[in-house]
Amino acid sequence: MMYVKSKWLAMVCSLCLVLPLAACSTGNSNNNLTASEPSSVASTNSSANLSDIKLGISFGQNVHPFFKAMQKGAEDAAKKTGVNLVVQSADSSVEKQSTQIENLVQSGVKAILLNPYDSSAVAPAVQAALNKKVGIFTMDISVKGADATSYVASDNVKIGTMLGEYIEKQLNGQGKIALIGDPSVTSLKDREDGLISYLNQHTKIQASKYSGLPISPCSS
């Protein structure tokens, strides 16, 4: 992980810790955020003005209540700490989100909180931002093809397992279901893995999978 100024890193940490509280279920949240910095650097920058720090957020889409809750949590944390937060939504467009990442970098943000619309398609824009020493903190959905600064998410495999338990009760452990998924989004793939694993191990329910349909990451 790149070394960053302690003040704005602390701000990003606080935002990232707020976001999983809006998770789609009561499953445990994963927070892979780690950072290290020499105490002398932290001391040197202790007088930094937080209002001079600019952070960006790019949602794949923010019309779903899940993402609206994430946005509110981030905005509340930014207001509390006094940093400048720019919130944007890609409106379910990979091209728009890639452009947003590029524009945020050019605008001088120190870090971007990113909720990818497509885990692989945004990788080039993410890597370009990382190359310019802009931190990328992915939210709920990871990036494939670029090593983001950190990934903060709910336990999506556990969410899939909980769904399997619910379906088992509703169908008395047997029957057939149709599973609509989207392999381009890591959170959905993880939920699918958790669901299928539970059904195969604990039930006689058969799931027929249909992939690639345009569904939003929290409505699967």
Protein backbone atom coordinates (compact mmCIF):
# COMPACT_ATOMS: atom_id res chain seq x y z
CA MET A 1 0.00 0.00 0.00
CA MET A 2 1.23 3.49 -0.77
CA TYR A 3 2.21 5.79 2.09
CA VAL A 4 -0.18 8.69 2.55
CA LYS A 5 -0.58 11.71 4.80
CA SER A 6 -2.01 10.72 8.13
CA LYS A 7 -4.78 13.31 8.19
CA TRP A 8 -6.55 12.38 4.97
CA LEU A 9 -5.87 8.68 5.46
CA ALA A 10 -7.67 8.91 8.78
CA MET A 11 -10.57 10.58 6.96
CA VAL A 12 -10.73 7.82 4.35
CA CYS A 13 -10.60 5.23 7.12
CA SER A 14 -13.52 6.85 8.90
CA LEU A 15 -15.56 6.95 5.71
CA CYS A 16 -14.77 3.35 4.87
CA LEU A 17 -15.70 2.18 8.34
CA VAL A 18 -19.06 3.94 8.07
CA LEU A 19 -19.99 2.43 4.72
CA PRO A 20 -20.34 -1.27 5.67
CA LEU A 21 -22.96 -0.34 8.26
CA ALA A 22 -25.35 0.07 5.36
CA ALA A 23 -24.78 -3.52 4.20
CA CYS A 24 -27.56 -5.51 2.56
CA SER A 25 -27.75 -7.92 5.48
CA THR A 26 -26.66 -8.32 9.07
CA GLY A 27 -23.63 -10.38 8.03
CA ASN A 28 -20.18 -9.43 9.28
CA SER A 29 -18.33 -6.69 7.41
CA ASN A 30 -14.84 -7.19 6.03
CA ASN A 31 -12.47 -4.29 6.48
CA ASN A 32 -9.11 -4.95 4.85
CA LEU A 33 -7.95 -1.40 5.45
CA THR A 34 -4.43 -1.28 6.82
CA ALA A 35 -1.88 1.45 6.78
CA SER A 36 1.49 2.20 8.27
CA GLU A 37 3.37 5.45 8.52
CA PRO A 38 6.42 6.58 10.47
CA SER A 39 5.48 8.61 13.53
CA SER A 40 7.72 11.43 12.36
CA VAL A 41 5.66 11.81 9.19
CA ALA A 42 2.43 11.85 11.16
CA SER A 43 3.86 14.49 13.48
CA THR A 44 5.06 16.64 10.59
CA ASN A 45 1.61 16.71 9.02
CA SER A 46 -0.41 17.04 12.23
CA SER A 47 -1.15 20.69 11.50
CA ALA A 48 -2.60 20.02 8.05
CA ASN A 49 -5.88 21.76 7.30
CA LEU A 50 -8.55 19.12 6.71
CA SER A 51 -10.62 21.55 4.66
CA ASP A 52 -7.81 21.53 2.09
CA ILE A 53 -8.20 17.77 1.60
CA LYS A 54 -10.38 16.73 -1.32
CA LEU A 55 -11.84 13.24 -1.66
CA GLY A 56 -14.07 11.80 -4.35
CA ILE A 57 -16.75 9.12 -4.50
CA SER A 58 -17.94 7.38 -7.64
CA PHE A 59 -20.94 5.06 -7.32
CA GLY A 60 -21.85 2.63 -10.09
CA GLN A 61 -25.38 3.83 -9.40
CA ASN A 62 -26.88 5.42 -6.32
CA VAL A 63 -30.63 5.10 -6.80
CA HIS A 64 -30.88 1.96 -4.66
CA PRO A 65 -31.54 2.56 -0.93
CA PHE A 66 -28.35 0.62 -0.11
CA PHE A 67 -26.20 3.10 -2.01
CA LYS A 68 -28.16 6.08 -0.78
CA ALA A 69 -27.34 4.94 2.76
CA MET A 70 -23.67 4.59 1.82
CA GLN A 71 -23.67 8.09 0.38
CA LYS A 72 -25.27 9.57 3.48
CA GLY A 73 -22.73 7.84 5.72
CA ALA A 74 -19.86 9.25 3.68
CA GLU A 75 -21.34 12.75 3.59
CA ASP A 76 -21.94 12.72 7.35
CA ALA A 77 -18.35 11.62 8.00
CA ALA A 78 -17.00 14.28 5.64
CA LYS A 79 -19.05 16.97 7.36
CA LYS A 80 -17.86 15.82 10.77
CA THR A 81 -14.20 15.91 9.82
CA GLY A 82 -14.41 18.97 7.58
CA VAL A 83 -12.93 17.57 4.39
CA ASN A 84 -14.12 18.42 0.89
CA LEU A 85 -16.09 15.47 -0.53
CA VAL A 86 -17.22 15.23 -4.15
CA VAL A 87 -19.96 12.62 -4.76
CA GLN A 88 -20.74 11.33 -8.25
CA SER A 89 -22.79 8.52 -9.77
CA ALA A 90 -22.01 6.67 -12.99
CA ASP A 91 -25.71 5.93 -13.58
CA SER A 92 -24.97 2.32 -14.56
CA SER A 93 -22.43 3.31 -17.22
CA VAL A 94 -18.89 1.89 -17.25
CA GLU A 95 -17.73 4.60 -19.64
CA LYS A 96 -19.14 7.34 -17.42
CA GLN A 97 -17.53 5.89 -14.31
CA SER A 98 -14.12 5.60 -15.97
CA THR A 99 -14.39 9.23 -17.05
CA GLN A 100 -15.43 10.23 -13.52
CA ILE A 101 -12.34 8.57 -12.06
CA GLU A 102 -10.10 10.37 -14.55
CA ASN A 103 -11.80 13.72 -13.87
CA LEU A 104 -11.57 13.29 -10.10
CA VAL A 105 -7.85 12.59 -10.39
CA GLN A 106 -7.34 15.69 -12.52
CA SER A 107 -9.34 17.77 -10.04
CA GLY A 108 -6.75 17.05 -7.36
CA VAL A 109 -8.45 14.51 -5.07
CA LYS A 110 -6.20 12.69 -2.62
CA ALA A 111 -8.27 9.49 -2.74
CA ILE A 112 -11.36 8.04 -4.39
CA LEU A 113 -13.99 5.86 -2.73
CA LEU A 114 -15.09 3.65 -5.58
CA ASN A 115 -18.14 1.44 -5.96
CA PRO A 116 -17.41 -0.13 -9.37
CA TYR A 117 -20.24 -0.73 -11.79
CA ASP A 118 -18.10 -3.37 -13.53
CA SER A 119 -15.22 -4.93 -11.60
CA SER A 120 -12.97 -5.46 -14.63
CA ALA A 121 -13.93 -2.63 -16.96
CA VAL A 122 -12.88 0.14 -14.55
CA ALA A 123 -9.44 -1.39 -13.93
CA PRO A 124 -7.54 0.78 -16.47
CA ALA A 125 -8.90 4.01 -14.96
CA VAL A 126 -8.17 2.72 -11.45
CA GLN A 127 -4.59 1.81 -12.37
CA ALA A 128 -4.06 5.21 -13.96
CA ALA A 129 -5.21 6.86 -10.72
CA LEU A 130 -2.92 4.66 -8.64
CA ASN A 131 0.00 5.52 -10.90
CA LYS A 132 -0.59 9.17 -9.99
CA LYS A 133 -0.50 8.32 -6.27
CA VAL A 134 -4.26 8.71 -5.77
CA GLY A 135 -5.61 6.17 -3.28
CA ILE A 136 -8.47 3.95 -4.48
CA PHE A 137 -10.71 2.51 -1.75
CA THR A 138 -13.26 0.14 -3.29
CA MET A 139 -16.64 -0.19 -1.56
CA ASP A 140 -18.61 -3.46 -1.50
CA ILE A 141 -17.38 -4.39 -4.99
CA SER A 142 -13.71 -5.02 -5.73
CA VAL A 143 -11.69 -4.26 -8.86
CA LYS A 144 -10.24 -7.00 -11.04
CA GLY A 145 -7.07 -6.10 -12.91
CA ALA A 146 -5.75 -3.38 -10.61
CA ASP A 147 -4.44 -3.53 -7.04
CA ALA A 148 -6.65 -1.02 -5.22
CA THR A 149 -5.34 0.61 -2.04
CA SER A 150 -7.99 -1.15 0.04
CA TYR A 151 -11.27 -3.06 -0.26
CA VAL A 152 -14.07 -2.54 2.26
CA ALA A 153 -17.16 -4.73 2.06
CA SER A 154 -19.83 -6.73 3.75
CA ASP A 155 -19.32 -10.51 3.82
CA ASN A 156 -21.07 -11.29 0.55
CA VAL A 157 -20.40 -15.04 0.74
CA LYS A 158 -22.17 -15.05 4.12
CA ILE A 159 -25.05 -13.08 2.60
CA GLY A 160 -25.41 -15.81 -0.05
CA THR A 161 -25.36 -18.47 2.65
CA MET A 162 -28.10 -16.66 4.59
CA LEU A 163 -30.18 -16.51 1.42
CA GLY A 164 -29.69 -20.26 0.98
CA GLU A 165 -30.96 -20.85 4.52
CA TYR A 166 -34.04 -18.75 3.79
CA ILE A 167 -34.77 -20.56 0.52
CA GLU A 168 -34.33 -23.92 2.25
CA LYS A 169 -37.01 -23.01 4.77
CA GLN A 170 -39.39 -21.72 2.12
CA LEU A 171 -39.05 -24.82 -0.09
CA ASN A 172 -38.64 -27.40 2.67
CA GLY A 173 -35.20 -28.29 1.36
CA GLN A 174 -36.15 -29.45 -2.14
CA GLY A 175 -37.25 -28.09 -5.51
CA LYS A 176 -35.87 -25.97 -8.32
CA ILE A 177 -35.00 -22.27 -8.47
CA ALA A 178 -33.76 -19.84 -11.12
CA LEU A 179 -30.72 -17.79 -10.14
CA ILE A 180 -30.12 -14.52 -11.98
CA GLY A 181 -26.54 -13.29 -11.52
CA ASP A 182 -23.96 -10.97 -13.00
CA PRO A 183 -20.38 -12.29 -13.24
CA SER A 184 -19.03 -8.79 -13.93
CA VAL A 185 -19.67 -7.73 -10.31
CA THR A 186 -17.62 -9.39 -7.58
CA SER A 187 -20.16 -8.89 -4.78
CA LEU A 188 -22.84 -10.72 -6.77
CA LYS A 189 -20.42 -13.53 -7.66
CA ASP A 190 -19.52 -13.96 -3.98
CA ARG A 191 -23.20 -14.10 -2.98
CA GLU A 192 -23.84 -16.64 -5.70
CA ASP A 193 -20.95 -18.78 -4.46
CA GLY A 194 -22.28 -18.68 -0.90
CA LEU A 195 -25.80 -19.55 -2.04
CA ILE A 196 -24.84 -22.42 -4.35
CA SER A 197 -22.42 -23.87 -1.79
CA TYR A 198 -25.10 -23.92 0.89
CA LEU A 199 -27.77 -25.41 -1.38
CA ASN A 200 -25.42 -28.15 -2.60
CA GLN A 201 -24.24 -29.09 0.88
CA HIS A 202 -27.46 -28.86 2.86
CA THR A 203 -30.44 -29.25 0.52
CA LYS A 204 -31.81 -31.05 -2.52
CA ILE A 205 -32.65 -27.77 -4.22
CA GLN A 206 -31.41 -27.39 -7.80
CA ALA A 207 -30.46 -23.92 -9.05
CA SER A 208 -30.45 -23.04 -12.75
CA LYS A 209 -28.15 -20.08 -13.34
CA TYR A 210 -28.78 -17.25 -15.80
CA SER A 211 -25.97 -14.70 -16.07
CA GLY A 212 -25.25 -11.37 -17.69
CA LEU A 213 -28.60 -9.71 -17.08
CA PRO A 214 -28.64 -5.97 -16.22
CA ILE A 215 -29.37 -6.03 -12.49
CA SER A 216 -28.18 -3.69 -9.78
CA PRO A 217 -25.62 -4.97 -7.23
CA CYS A 218 -28.00 -4.98 -4.26
CA SER A 219 -31.14 -6.32 -5.92
CA SER A 220 -29.94 -9.84 -6.72
